[in-house]
Amino acid sequence: MKILQNVIVTQVLTESSKNELLDAYKSKRLQLQKESEQLRFELKKLEKTRHTQPTTLKSHFEKEINNRLEKIKLVEFQMEQLEILPIGSELKEREVQSLVDVQVGANWEELTKTKTIVIKDGIVSEIR
């Protein structure tokens, strides 16, 4: 019988992976800033075309803009934390599922123990 089991994938922080993560955070921040500016532009455009603008529409735009600003703050916090982390630290990247073969007589504790795949610079370096 086969069962599904969650496997944690961690990434060992190296100089190159740190730079890649920083670049990804910077591009995400830039994208969120662009979205925020676009929403502001659309809101101003609507204000000019409609003299009696419904407050629900305006509040929706403001909510979306604030949502983007909160995400920007989160990304900036993640960038700060990444700068603090020493090289060699392990970061949880994601979880994947694995098929585990269960047979009569197998050690259940060993089968259900959380498995971890460690990646270093895009290459699997260890399976625990």
C-alpha atoms as a PDB file:
ATOM      1  CA  MET A   1       0.000   0.000   0.000  1.00  0.00           C
ATOM      2  CA  LYS A   2       1.196   3.512  -0.716  1.00  0.00           C
ATOM      3  CA  ILE A   3       0.439   6.642   1.298  1.00  0.00           C
ATOM      4  CA  LEU A   4       1.172  10.330   0.738  1.00  0.00           C
ATOM      5  CA  GLN A   5       3.571  12.047   3.091  1.00  0.00           C
ATOM      6  CA  ASN A   6       4.608  15.698   3.310  1.00  0.00           C
ATOM      7  CA  VAL A   7       8.301  16.357   2.754  1.00  0.00           C
ATOM      8  CA  ILE A   8       9.924  19.658   3.736  1.00  0.00           C
ATOM      9  CA  VAL A   9      12.302  21.175   1.200  1.00  0.00           C
ATOM     10  CA  THR A  10      14.940  23.450   2.709  1.00  0.00           C
ATOM     11  CA  GLN A  11      17.524  25.567   0.977  1.00  0.00           C
ATOM     12  CA  VAL A  12      21.025  26.117   2.330  1.00  0.00           C
ATOM     13  CA  LEU A  13      21.857  29.808   2.113  1.00  0.00           C
ATOM     14  CA  THR A  14      24.935  30.465  -0.019  1.00  0.00           C
ATOM     15  CA  GLU A  15      26.220  33.724  -1.491  1.00  0.00           C
ATOM     16  CA  SER A  16      24.603  32.978  -4.845  1.00  0.00           C
ATOM     17  CA  SER A  17      21.280  31.812  -3.375  1.00  0.00           C
ATOM     18  CA  LYS A  18      21.234  34.854  -1.086  1.00  0.00           C
ATOM     19  CA  ASN A  19      21.730  37.140  -4.104  1.00  0.00           C
ATOM     20  CA  GLU A  20      19.007  35.295  -6.041  1.00  0.00           C
ATOM     21  CA  LEU A  21      16.572  35.662  -3.137  1.00  0.00           C
ATOM     22  CA  LEU A  22      17.397  39.367  -2.795  1.00  0.00           C
ATOM     23  CA  ASP A  23      16.821  39.855  -6.519  1.00  0.00           C
ATOM     24  CA  ALA A  24      13.482  38.022  -6.282  1.00  0.00           C
ATOM     25  CA  TYR A  25      12.422  40.181  -3.320  1.00  0.00           C
ATOM     26  CA  LYS A  26      13.455  43.361  -5.138  1.00  0.00           C
ATOM     27  CA  SER A  27      11.495  42.427  -8.253  1.00  0.00           C
ATOM     28  CA  LYS A  28       8.463  41.521  -6.149  1.00  0.00           C
ATOM     29  CA  ARG A  29       8.681  44.869  -4.344  1.00  0.00           C
ATOM     30  CA  LEU A  30       8.981  46.699  -7.674  1.00  0.00           C
ATOM     31  CA  GLN A  31       5.957  44.827  -9.050  1.00  0.00           C
ATOM     32  CA  LEU A  32       3.889  45.710  -5.981  1.00  0.00           C
ATOM     33  CA  GLN A  33       4.935  49.351  -6.261  1.00  0.00           C
ATOM     34  CA  LYS A  34       3.888  49.402  -9.928  1.00  0.00           C
ATOM     35  CA  GLU A  35       0.531  47.851  -9.063  1.00  0.00           C
ATOM     36  CA  SER A  36       0.016  50.413  -6.314  1.00  0.00           C
ATOM     37  CA  GLU A  37       0.817  53.301  -8.657  1.00  0.00           C
ATOM     38  CA  GLN A  38      -1.498  51.865 -11.312  1.00  0.00           C
ATOM     39  CA  LEU A  39      -4.327  51.630  -8.794  1.00  0.00           C
ATOM     40  CA  ARG A  40      -3.748  55.242  -7.732  1.00  0.00           C
ATOM     41  CA  PHE A  41      -3.791  56.308 -11.378  1.00  0.00           C
ATOM     42  CA  GLU A  42      -7.033  54.436 -12.042  1.00  0.00           C
ATOM     43  CA  LEU A  43      -8.607  55.972  -8.944  1.00  0.00           C
ATOM     44  CA  LYS A  44      -7.690  59.502 -10.060  1.00  0.00           C
ATOM     45  CA  LYS A  45      -8.976  58.747 -13.555  1.00  0.00           C
ATOM     46  CA  LEU A  46     -12.298  57.609 -12.117  1.00  0.00           C
ATOM     47  CA  GLU A  47     -12.500  60.675  -9.892  1.00  0.00           C
ATOM     48  CA  LYS A  48     -12.091  62.940 -12.923  1.00  0.00           C
ATOM     49  CA  THR A  49     -14.613  61.137 -15.108  1.00  0.00           C
ATOM     50  CA  ARG A  50     -17.283  60.707 -12.447  1.00  0.00           C
ATOM     51  CA  HIS A  51     -18.181  63.725 -10.408  1.00  0.00           C
ATOM     52  CA  THR A  52     -20.396  61.730  -8.051  1.00  0.00           C
ATOM     53  CA  GLN A  53     -18.274  58.728  -7.288  1.00  0.00           C
ATOM     54  CA  PRO A  54     -19.695  55.954  -5.111  1.00  0.00           C
ATOM     55  CA  THR A  55     -17.792  55.675  -1.859  1.00  0.00           C
ATOM     56  CA  THR A  56     -17.711  51.881  -2.104  1.00  0.00           C
ATOM     57  CA  LEU A  57     -15.656  52.059  -5.288  1.00  0.00           C
ATOM     58  CA  LYS A  58     -13.209  54.505  -3.751  1.00  0.00           C
ATOM     59  CA  SER A  59     -12.905  52.441  -0.580  1.00  0.00           C
ATOM     60  CA  HIS A  60     -12.278  49.337  -2.699  1.00  0.00           C
ATOM     61  CA  PHE A  61      -9.396  51.072  -4.490  1.00  0.00           C
ATOM     62  CA  GLU A  62      -7.969  52.339  -1.210  1.00  0.00           C
ATOM     63  CA  LYS A  63      -8.222  48.870   0.294  1.00  0.00           C
ATOM     64  CA  GLU A  64      -6.330  47.386  -2.663  1.00  0.00           C
ATOM     65  CA  ILE A  65      -3.650  50.099  -2.464  1.00  0.00           C
ATOM     66  CA  ASN A  66      -3.230  49.512   1.288  1.00  0.00           C
ATOM     67  CA  ASN A  67      -3.042  45.778   0.639  1.00  0.00           C
ATOM     68  CA  ARG A  68      -0.138  46.341  -1.785  1.00  0.00           C
ATOM     69  CA  LEU A  69       1.599  48.661   0.695  1.00  0.00           C
ATOM     70  CA  GLU A  70       1.368  46.013   3.421  1.00  0.00           C
ATOM     71  CA  LYS A  71       2.864  43.442   1.061  1.00  0.00           C
ATOM     72  CA  ILE A  72       5.700  45.866   0.252  1.00  0.00           C
ATOM     73  CA  LYS A  73       6.421  46.249   3.974  1.00  0.00           C
ATOM     74  CA  LEU A  74       6.487  42.464   4.344  1.00  0.00           C
ATOM     75  CA  VAL A  75       8.899  42.057   1.425  1.00  0.00           C
ATOM     76  CA  GLU A  76      11.171  44.754   2.858  1.00  0.00           C
ATOM     77  CA  PHE A  77      11.114  42.982   6.224  1.00  0.00           C
ATOM     78  CA  GLN A  78      12.053  39.703   4.501  1.00  0.00           C
ATOM     79  CA  MET A  79      14.942  41.481   2.759  1.00  0.00           C
ATOM     80  CA  GLU A  80      16.194  42.829   6.097  1.00  0.00           C
ATOM     81  CA  GLN A  81      15.987  39.378   7.677  1.00  0.00           C
ATOM     82  CA  LEU A  82      17.821  37.824   4.735  1.00  0.00           C
ATOM     83  CA  GLU A  83      20.667  40.310   5.181  1.00  0.00           C
ATOM     84  CA  ILE A  84      20.992  39.237   8.838  1.00  0.00           C
ATOM     85  CA  LEU A  85      21.064  35.474   8.131  1.00  0.00           C
ATOM     86  CA  PRO A  86      24.524  33.914   8.050  1.00  0.00           C
ATOM     87  CA  ILE A  87      25.707  31.865   5.091  1.00  0.00           C
ATOM     88  CA  GLY A  88      24.936  28.174   5.700  1.00  0.00           C
ATOM     89  CA  SER A  89      21.540  28.797   7.307  1.00  0.00           C
ATOM     90  CA  GLU A  90      18.692  26.576   6.167  1.00  0.00           C
ATOM     91  CA  LEU A  91      15.510  28.216   4.898  1.00  0.00           C
ATOM     92  CA  LYS A  92      12.264  26.321   4.502  1.00  0.00           C
ATOM     93  CA  GLU A  93      11.423  26.744   0.850  1.00  0.00           C
ATOM     94  CA  ARG A  94       8.261  24.681   0.462  1.00  0.00           C
ATOM     95  CA  GLU A  95       6.551  21.374   1.154  1.00  0.00           C
ATOM     96  CA  VAL A  96       6.033  18.644  -1.407  1.00  0.00           C
ATOM     97  CA  GLN A  97       4.290  15.305  -1.171  1.00  0.00           C
ATOM     98  CA  SER A  98       5.949  11.958  -1.538  1.00  0.00           C
ATOM     99  CA  LEU A  99       4.609   8.437  -2.003  1.00  0.00           C
ATOM    100  CA  VAL A 100       5.679   6.094   0.771  1.00  0.00           C
ATOM    101  CA  ASP A 101       5.359   2.344   0.395  1.00  0.00           C
ATOM    102  CA  VAL A 102       3.832   0.790   3.534  1.00  0.00           C
ATOM    103  CA  GLN A 103       4.199  -2.919   4.057  1.00  0.00           C
ATOM    104  CA  VAL A 104       3.291  -5.325   6.833  1.00  0.00           C
ATOM    105  CA  GLY A 105       6.031  -5.375   9.435  1.00  0.00           C
ATOM    106  CA  ALA A 106       7.381  -1.914   8.585  1.00  0.00           C
ATOM    107  CA  ASN A 107       8.277   0.443  11.441  1.00  0.00           C
ATOM    108  CA  TRP A 108       5.402   2.966  11.496  1.00  0.00           C
ATOM    109  CA  GLU A 109       7.384   5.576  13.457  1.00  0.00           C
ATOM    110  CA  GLU A 110      10.179   5.463  10.902  1.00  0.00           C
ATOM    111  CA  LEU A 111       7.732   5.704   7.966  1.00  0.00           C
ATOM    112  CA  THR A 112       5.851   8.699   9.348  1.00  0.00           C
ATOM    113  CA  LYS A 113       8.889  10.627  10.561  1.00  0.00           C
ATOM    114  CA  THR A 114       9.103  14.008   8.813  1.00  0.00           C
ATOM    115  CA  LYS A 115      11.438  13.829   5.866  1.00  0.00           C
ATOM    116  CA  THR A 116      13.522  16.769   4.665  1.00  0.00           C
ATOM    117  CA  ILE A 117      15.240  17.413   1.344  1.00  0.00           C
ATOM    118  CA  VAL A 118      18.168  19.840   1.574  1.00  0.00           C
ATOM    119  CA  ILE A 119      19.075  21.837  -1.533  1.00  0.00           C
ATOM    120  CA  LYS A 120      22.299  23.758  -2.016  1.00  0.00           C
ATOM    121  CA  ASP A 121      22.611  25.996  -5.091  1.00  0.00           C
ATOM    122  CA  GLY A 122      19.821  24.135  -6.887  1.00  0.00           C
ATOM    123  CA  ILE A 123      21.253  20.661  -6.248  1.00  0.00           C
ATOM    124  CA  VAL A 124      19.917  18.129  -3.744  1.00  0.00           C
ATOM    125  CA  SER A 125      22.708  17.775  -1.210  1.00  0.00           C
ATOM    126  CA  GLU A 126      20.990  15.676   1.460  1.00  0.00           C
ATOM    127  CA  ILE A 127      17.811  13.736   2.228  1.00  0.00           C
ATOM    128  CA  ARG A 128      17.047  13.331   5.920  1.00  0.00           C
END
